[in-house]
Amino acid sequence: MTVKINITDEETAPVPEEQTIKIEIVEKDKIEFSLKLRNALNGDLMILDHKDIDIVVQPTSKKIITFAKEMVSDAVYGAESRLLEYLRGQGVINHDSIQGGNIYGSLEGQIMDSKSHDPIKVTLLKISEWMETEQPYIAGTTAYDDLQDDALLDPDNEYSTELGEVPAAVNKGSIQQHNLFAPYLYGRYTY
């Protein structure tokens, strides 16, 4: 909460009978958001909320760098590109600064300078807004991965065998593995 006090000076204002003090209370809007954020030893801010990418905000060099969490794929590049294009559209990073980083699969952008706002706080706010727009994508891919795991580990009757548990045996099927003249060896060198 900010308090403004105006005191009129006798030389510039007409002489009133009493000196007046005007107090005006101005409340600024509070903006609250949450991110899973960690501080690195060098002061970098690491945001680990996204499923595919990690985001690093470097306050000293005013850069945003995105890295793949596990492996580089089209989904990772798409998430990195969507983030930097969103920040570019919001006026947070320079238009011509989006480029590949010096680490394989990373993208980076330069944060703009500002005289009226703290650029790092605005950047974190815009990243949290982008993360909210990514939640349907993250929920959808997580649900799809869970469905794939369930289909593989616990298949329904249509995709399971009627034999149940098949015991282990030395010889199974019609192709013998240890025969010198096995059917799959014809035409190959035999010793």
C-alpha atoms as a PDB file:
ATOM      1  CA  MET A   1       0.000   0.000   0.000  1.00  0.00           C
ATOM      2  CA  THR A   2       1.355   3.420  -0.977  1.00  0.00           C
ATOM      3  CA  VAL A   3       0.619   6.601   0.938  1.00  0.00           C
ATOM      4  CA  LYS A   4       0.892   9.961  -0.850  1.00  0.00           C
ATOM      5  CA  ILE A   5       1.243  13.117   1.205  1.00  0.00           C
ATOM      6  CA  ASN A   6       0.945  16.559  -0.366  1.00  0.00           C
ATOM      7  CA  ILE A   7       2.011  19.558   1.701  1.00  0.00           C
ATOM      8  CA  THR A   8       1.406  22.943   0.168  1.00  0.00           C
ATOM      9  CA  ASP A   9       4.139  25.545   0.387  1.00  0.00           C
ATOM     10  CA  GLU A  10       3.309  29.085   1.493  1.00  0.00           C
ATOM     11  CA  GLU A  11       5.255  30.718  -1.326  1.00  0.00           C
ATOM     12  CA  THR A  12       3.577  28.859  -4.194  1.00  0.00           C
ATOM     13  CA  ALA A  13       0.064  28.540  -2.846  1.00  0.00           C
ATOM     14  CA  PRO A  14      -2.304  31.227  -1.638  1.00  0.00           C
ATOM     15  CA  VAL A  15      -2.082  31.653   2.092  1.00  0.00           C
ATOM     16  CA  PRO A  16      -4.859  29.658   3.666  1.00  0.00           C
ATOM     17  CA  GLU A  17      -5.922  30.138   7.215  1.00  0.00           C
ATOM     18  CA  GLU A  18      -4.536  26.711   8.101  1.00  0.00           C
ATOM     19  CA  GLN A  19      -1.945  24.588   6.325  1.00  0.00           C
ATOM     20  CA  THR A  20      -3.611  21.547   4.788  1.00  0.00           C
ATOM     21  CA  ILE A  21      -2.303  18.044   4.481  1.00  0.00           C
ATOM     22  CA  LYS A  22      -3.948  15.731   1.966  1.00  0.00           C
ATOM     23  CA  ILE A  23      -3.445  11.989   2.487  1.00  0.00           C
ATOM     24  CA  GLU A  24      -4.365   9.700  -0.371  1.00  0.00           C
ATOM     25  CA  ILE A  25      -4.123   5.924   0.007  1.00  0.00           C
ATOM     26  CA  VAL A  26      -3.418   4.075  -3.237  1.00  0.00           C
ATOM     27  CA  GLU A  27      -3.497   0.291  -3.317  1.00  0.00           C
ATOM     28  CA  LYS A  28      -1.497  -1.404  -6.021  1.00  0.00           C
ATOM     29  CA  ASP A  29      -2.658  -4.634  -7.556  1.00  0.00           C
ATOM     30  CA  LYS A  30      -0.986  -7.760  -6.271  1.00  0.00           C
ATOM     31  CA  ILE A  31      -0.147 -10.385  -8.821  1.00  0.00           C
ATOM     32  CA  GLU A  32       0.248 -13.868  -7.443  1.00  0.00           C
ATOM     33  CA  PHE A  33       1.489 -16.885  -9.360  1.00  0.00           C
ATOM     34  CA  SER A  34       3.319 -20.093  -8.577  1.00  0.00           C
ATOM     35  CA  LEU A  35       6.165 -21.868 -10.320  1.00  0.00           C
ATOM     36  CA  LYS A  36       8.351 -24.784  -9.320  1.00  0.00           C
ATOM     37  CA  LEU A  37      11.503 -22.684  -9.132  1.00  0.00           C
ATOM     38  CA  ARG A  38      15.024 -23.288  -7.852  1.00  0.00           C
ATOM     39  CA  ASN A  39      18.012 -21.017  -7.446  1.00  0.00           C
ATOM     40  CA  ALA A  40      21.308 -22.204  -8.871  1.00  0.00           C
ATOM     41  CA  LEU A  41      24.577 -21.415  -7.124  1.00  0.00           C
ATOM     42  CA  ASN A  42      25.320 -18.627  -9.608  1.00  0.00           C
ATOM     43  CA  GLY A  43      21.896 -16.992  -9.120  1.00  0.00           C
ATOM     44  CA  ASP A  44      20.149 -18.448 -12.183  1.00  0.00           C
ATOM     45  CA  LEU A  45      16.459 -19.290 -11.755  1.00  0.00           C
ATOM     46  CA  MET A  46      15.551 -22.813 -12.886  1.00  0.00           C
ATOM     47  CA  ILE A  47      11.888 -23.549 -13.666  1.00  0.00           C
ATOM     48  CA  LEU A  48      11.118 -27.272 -13.708  1.00  0.00           C
ATOM     49  CA  ASP A  49       7.296 -27.293 -14.078  1.00  0.00           C
ATOM     50  CA  HIS A  50       7.046 -28.444 -17.700  1.00  0.00           C
ATOM     51  CA  LYS A  51       6.934 -32.106 -18.703  1.00  0.00           C
ATOM     52  CA  ASP A  52       9.342 -31.829 -21.654  1.00  0.00           C
ATOM     53  CA  ILE A  53      11.635 -28.865 -20.976  1.00  0.00           C
ATOM     54  CA  ASP A  54      13.529 -27.053 -18.229  1.00  0.00           C
ATOM     55  CA  ILE A  55      13.632 -23.250 -18.341  1.00  0.00           C
ATOM     56  CA  VAL A  56      16.568 -21.240 -16.992  1.00  0.00           C
ATOM     57  CA  VAL A  57      16.299 -17.474 -16.471  1.00  0.00           C
ATOM     58  CA  GLN A  58      19.697 -15.799 -16.105  1.00  0.00           C
ATOM     59  CA  PRO A  59      19.229 -12.448 -14.338  1.00  0.00           C
ATOM     60  CA  THR A  60      22.860 -11.357 -14.775  1.00  0.00           C
ATOM     61  CA  SER A  61      22.977 -11.774 -18.562  1.00  0.00           C
ATOM     62  CA  LYS A  62      19.174 -11.256 -18.992  1.00  0.00           C
ATOM     63  CA  LYS A  63      18.700 -14.477 -20.973  1.00  0.00           C
ATOM     64  CA  ILE A  64      16.143 -17.259 -21.081  1.00  0.00           C
ATOM     65  CA  ILE A  65      17.482 -20.690 -22.034  1.00  0.00           C
ATOM     66  CA  THR A  66      15.381 -23.821 -22.510  1.00  0.00           C
ATOM     67  CA  PHE A  67      16.750 -27.376 -22.268  1.00  0.00           C
ATOM     68  CA  ALA A  68      15.302 -30.812 -23.006  1.00  0.00           C
ATOM     69  CA  LYS A  69      14.414 -32.781 -19.872  1.00  0.00           C
ATOM     70  CA  GLU A  70      15.210 -36.261 -21.161  1.00  0.00           C
ATOM     71  CA  MET A  71      15.697 -36.549 -24.900  1.00  0.00           C
ATOM     72  CA  VAL A  72      15.507 -34.145 -27.800  1.00  0.00           C
ATOM     73  CA  SER A  73      12.413 -34.727 -29.942  1.00  0.00           C
ATOM     74  CA  ASP A  74       9.865 -32.797 -31.948  1.00  0.00           C
ATOM     75  CA  ALA A  75       7.736 -32.380 -28.812  1.00  0.00           C
ATOM     76  CA  VAL A  76      10.669 -30.808 -26.962  1.00  0.00           C
ATOM     77  CA  TYR A  77      11.497 -28.408 -29.783  1.00  0.00           C
ATOM     78  CA  GLY A  78       7.800 -27.531 -30.095  1.00  0.00           C
ATOM     79  CA  ALA A  79       7.555 -26.640 -26.395  1.00  0.00           C
ATOM     80  CA  GLU A  80      10.752 -24.565 -26.528  1.00  0.00           C
ATOM     81  CA  SER A  81       9.576 -22.744 -29.632  1.00  0.00           C
ATOM     82  CA  ARG A  82       6.087 -22.102 -28.212  1.00  0.00           C
ATOM     83  CA  LEU A  83       7.571 -20.588 -25.043  1.00  0.00           C
ATOM     84  CA  LEU A  84       9.981 -18.253 -26.798  1.00  0.00           C
ATOM     85  CA  GLU A  85       7.405 -17.196 -29.397  1.00  0.00           C
ATOM     86  CA  TYR A  86       4.906 -16.493 -26.602  1.00  0.00           C
ATOM     87  CA  LEU A  87       7.458 -14.364 -24.746  1.00  0.00           C
ATOM     88  CA  ARG A  88       8.355 -12.585 -27.987  1.00  0.00           C
ATOM     89  CA  GLY A  89       4.676 -11.854 -28.617  1.00  0.00           C
ATOM     90  CA  GLN A  90       4.253 -10.533 -25.069  1.00  0.00           C
ATOM     91  CA  GLY A  91       7.173  -8.137 -25.517  1.00  0.00           C
ATOM     92  CA  VAL A  92       9.475  -9.829 -23.033  1.00  0.00           C
ATOM     93  CA  ILE A  93      12.317 -10.964 -25.301  1.00  0.00           C
ATOM     94  CA  ASN A  94      13.873  -9.309 -28.343  1.00  0.00           C
ATOM     95  CA  HIS A  95      12.501 -10.426 -31.694  1.00  0.00           C
ATOM     96  CA  ASP A  96      15.881 -11.117 -33.240  1.00  0.00           C
ATOM     97  CA  SER A  97      17.445 -12.837 -30.229  1.00  0.00           C
ATOM     98  CA  ILE A  98      15.749 -16.260 -30.478  1.00  0.00           C
ATOM     99  CA  GLN A  99      18.435 -18.756 -31.472  1.00  0.00           C
ATOM    100  CA  GLY A 100      19.849 -22.174 -30.776  1.00  0.00           C
ATOM    101  CA  GLY A 101      21.970 -22.373 -27.661  1.00  0.00           C
ATOM    102  CA  ASN A 102      25.469 -23.753 -27.328  1.00  0.00           C
ATOM    103  CA  ILE A 103      24.063 -26.972 -25.822  1.00  0.00           C
ATOM    104  CA  TYR A 104      22.477 -29.473 -28.208  1.00  0.00           C
ATOM    105  CA  GLY A 105      18.699 -29.044 -28.391  1.00  0.00           C
ATOM    106  CA  SER A 106      18.518 -25.794 -26.424  1.00  0.00           C
ATOM    107  CA  LEU A 107      16.940 -22.490 -27.465  1.00  0.00           C
ATOM    108  CA  GLU A 108      17.602 -19.086 -25.951  1.00  0.00           C
ATOM    109  CA  GLY A 109      16.376 -15.510 -26.103  1.00  0.00           C
ATOM    110  CA  GLN A 110      17.501 -12.121 -24.763  1.00  0.00           C
ATOM    111  CA  ILE A 111      15.222 -10.364 -22.227  1.00  0.00           C
ATOM    112  CA  MET A 112      14.451  -6.737 -23.065  1.00  0.00           C
ATOM    113  CA  ASP A 113      15.495  -3.905 -20.758  1.00  0.00           C
ATOM    114  CA  SER A 114      12.833  -1.841 -18.992  1.00  0.00           C
ATOM    115  CA  LYS A 115      12.937   1.377 -17.027  1.00  0.00           C
ATOM    116  CA  SER A 116       9.436   1.078 -15.580  1.00  0.00           C
ATOM    117  CA  HIS A 117       9.286  -2.626 -14.587  1.00  0.00           C
ATOM    118  CA  ASP A 118      11.643  -5.261 -13.250  1.00  0.00           C
ATOM    119  CA  PRO A 119      12.320  -7.387 -16.367  1.00  0.00           C
ATOM    120  CA  ILE A 120      13.039 -10.588 -14.411  1.00  0.00           C
ATOM    121  CA  LYS A 121       9.766 -10.399 -12.447  1.00  0.00           C
ATOM    122  CA  VAL A 122       7.793  -9.712 -15.625  1.00  0.00           C
ATOM    123  CA  THR A 123       9.551 -12.629 -17.327  1.00  0.00           C
ATOM    124  CA  LEU A 124       8.629 -14.995 -14.498  1.00  0.00           C
ATOM    125  CA  LEU A 125       5.028 -13.771 -14.601  1.00  0.00           C
ATOM    126  CA  LYS A 126       4.777 -14.364 -18.353  1.00  0.00           C
ATOM    127  CA  ILE A 127       6.373 -17.804 -18.028  1.00  0.00           C
ATOM    128  CA  SER A 128       3.760 -18.727 -15.400  1.00  0.00           C
ATOM    129  CA  GLU A 129       0.988 -17.534 -17.739  1.00  0.00           C
ATOM    130  CA  TRP A 130       2.462 -19.671 -20.536  1.00  0.00           C
ATOM    131  CA  MET A 131       2.636 -22.655 -18.183  1.00  0.00           C
ATOM    132  CA  GLU A 132      -1.107 -22.296 -17.544  1.00  0.00           C
ATOM    133  CA  THR A 133      -1.761 -22.472 -21.291  1.00  0.00           C
ATOM    134  CA  GLU A 134       0.403 -25.633 -21.486  1.00  0.00           C
ATOM    135  CA  GLN A 135      -1.525 -27.536 -18.794  1.00  0.00           C
ATOM    136  CA  PRO A 136      -4.020 -29.153 -21.246  1.00  0.00           C
ATOM    137  CA  TYR A 137      -1.099 -30.382 -23.384  1.00  0.00           C
ATOM    138  CA  ILE A 138       0.736 -31.779 -20.362  1.00  0.00           C
ATOM    139  CA  ALA A 139      -2.425 -33.448 -19.010  1.00  0.00           C
ATOM    140  CA  GLY A 140      -3.218 -34.961 -22.414  1.00  0.00           C
ATOM    141  CA  THR A 141       0.235 -36.429 -23.006  1.00  0.00           C
ATOM    142  CA  THR A 142       0.411 -37.771 -19.454  1.00  0.00           C
ATOM    143  CA  ALA A 143      -3.006 -39.427 -19.817  1.00  0.00           C
ATOM    144  CA  TYR A 144      -1.977 -40.936 -23.164  1.00  0.00           C
ATOM    145  CA  ASP A 145       1.233 -42.337 -21.654  1.00  0.00           C
ATOM    146  CA  ASP A 146      -0.785 -43.827 -18.789  1.00  0.00           C
ATOM    147  CA  LEU A 147      -3.195 -45.469 -21.259  1.00  0.00           C
ATOM    148  CA  GLN A 148      -0.266 -46.962 -23.189  1.00  0.00           C
ATOM    149  CA  ASP A 149       1.259 -48.330 -19.977  1.00  0.00           C
ATOM    150  CA  ASP A 150      -2.074 -49.836 -18.885  1.00  0.00           C
ATOM    151  CA  ALA A 151      -2.607 -51.466 -22.301  1.00  0.00           C
ATOM    152  CA  LEU A 152       0.843 -53.028 -22.159  1.00  0.00           C
ATOM    153  CA  LEU A 153       0.900 -54.118 -18.515  1.00  0.00           C
ATOM    154  CA  ASP A 154      -2.748 -55.091 -18.026  1.00  0.00           C
ATOM    155  CA  PRO A 155      -4.345 -55.851 -21.414  1.00  0.00           C
ATOM    156  CA  ASP A 156      -8.037 -56.540 -21.743  1.00  0.00           C
ATOM    157  CA  ASN A 157      -9.435 -59.886 -22.992  1.00  0.00           C
ATOM    158  CA  GLU A 158      -9.241 -58.870 -26.645  1.00  0.00           C
ATOM    159  CA  TYR A 159      -5.466 -58.413 -26.530  1.00  0.00           C
ATOM    160  CA  SER A 160      -4.522 -61.216 -24.120  1.00  0.00           C
ATOM    161  CA  THR A 161      -3.969 -64.929 -24.614  1.00  0.00           C
ATOM    162  CA  GLU A 162      -6.310 -67.670 -23.467  1.00  0.00           C
ATOM    163  CA  LEU A 163      -3.387 -69.768 -22.269  1.00  0.00           C
ATOM    164  CA  GLY A 164      -2.752 -67.685 -19.208  1.00  0.00           C
ATOM    165  CA  GLU A 165       0.671 -68.177 -17.655  1.00  0.00           C
ATOM    166  CA  VAL A 166       2.860 -70.271 -19.965  1.00  0.00           C
ATOM    167  CA  PRO A 167       5.474 -72.280 -18.048  1.00  0.00           C
ATOM    168  CA  ALA A 168       9.106 -72.233 -19.143  1.00  0.00           C
ATOM    169  CA  ALA A 169      10.448 -75.205 -21.111  1.00  0.00           C
ATOM    170  CA  VAL A 170      13.669 -76.098 -22.903  1.00  0.00           C
ATOM    171  CA  ASN A 171      12.024 -76.764 -26.295  1.00  0.00           C
ATOM    172  CA  LYS A 172       8.999 -74.791 -27.438  1.00  0.00           C
ATOM    173  CA  GLY A 173       7.431 -74.474 -30.856  1.00  0.00           C
ATOM    174  CA  SER A 174       8.345 -76.229 -34.109  1.00  0.00           C
ATOM    175  CA  ILE A 175      11.727 -74.626 -34.868  1.00  0.00           C
ATOM    176  CA  GLN A 176      14.586 -76.281 -33.066  1.00  0.00           C
ATOM    177  CA  GLN A 177      17.230 -73.897 -31.832  1.00  0.00           C
ATOM    178  CA  HIS A 178      20.193 -76.233 -31.339  1.00  0.00           C
ATOM    179  CA  ASN A 179      19.907 -78.513 -34.359  1.00  0.00           C
ATOM    180  CA  LEU A 180      22.700 -78.302 -36.917  1.00  0.00           C
ATOM    181  CA  PHE A 181      20.227 -78.520 -39.790  1.00  0.00           C
ATOM    182  CA  ALA A 182      17.594 -76.169 -38.450  1.00  0.00           C
ATOM    183  CA  PRO A 183      15.247 -74.811 -41.172  1.00  0.00           C
ATOM    184  CA  TYR A 184      16.567 -71.275 -40.920  1.00  0.00           C
ATOM    185  CA  LEU A 185      20.159 -72.377 -41.591  1.00  0.00           C
ATOM    186  CA  TYR A 186      19.639 -73.808 -45.097  1.00  0.00           C
ATOM    187  CA  GLY A 187      21.760 -71.958 -47.603  1.00  0.00           C
ATOM    188  CA  ARG A 188      24.162 -70.631 -44.953  1.00  0.00           C
ATOM    189  CA  TYR A 189      27.549 -71.806 -43.853  1.00  0.00           C
ATOM    190  CA  THR A 190      27.460 -74.713 -41.466  1.00  0.00           C
ATOM    191  CA  TYR A 191      30.424 -76.204 -39.662  1.00  0.00           C
END
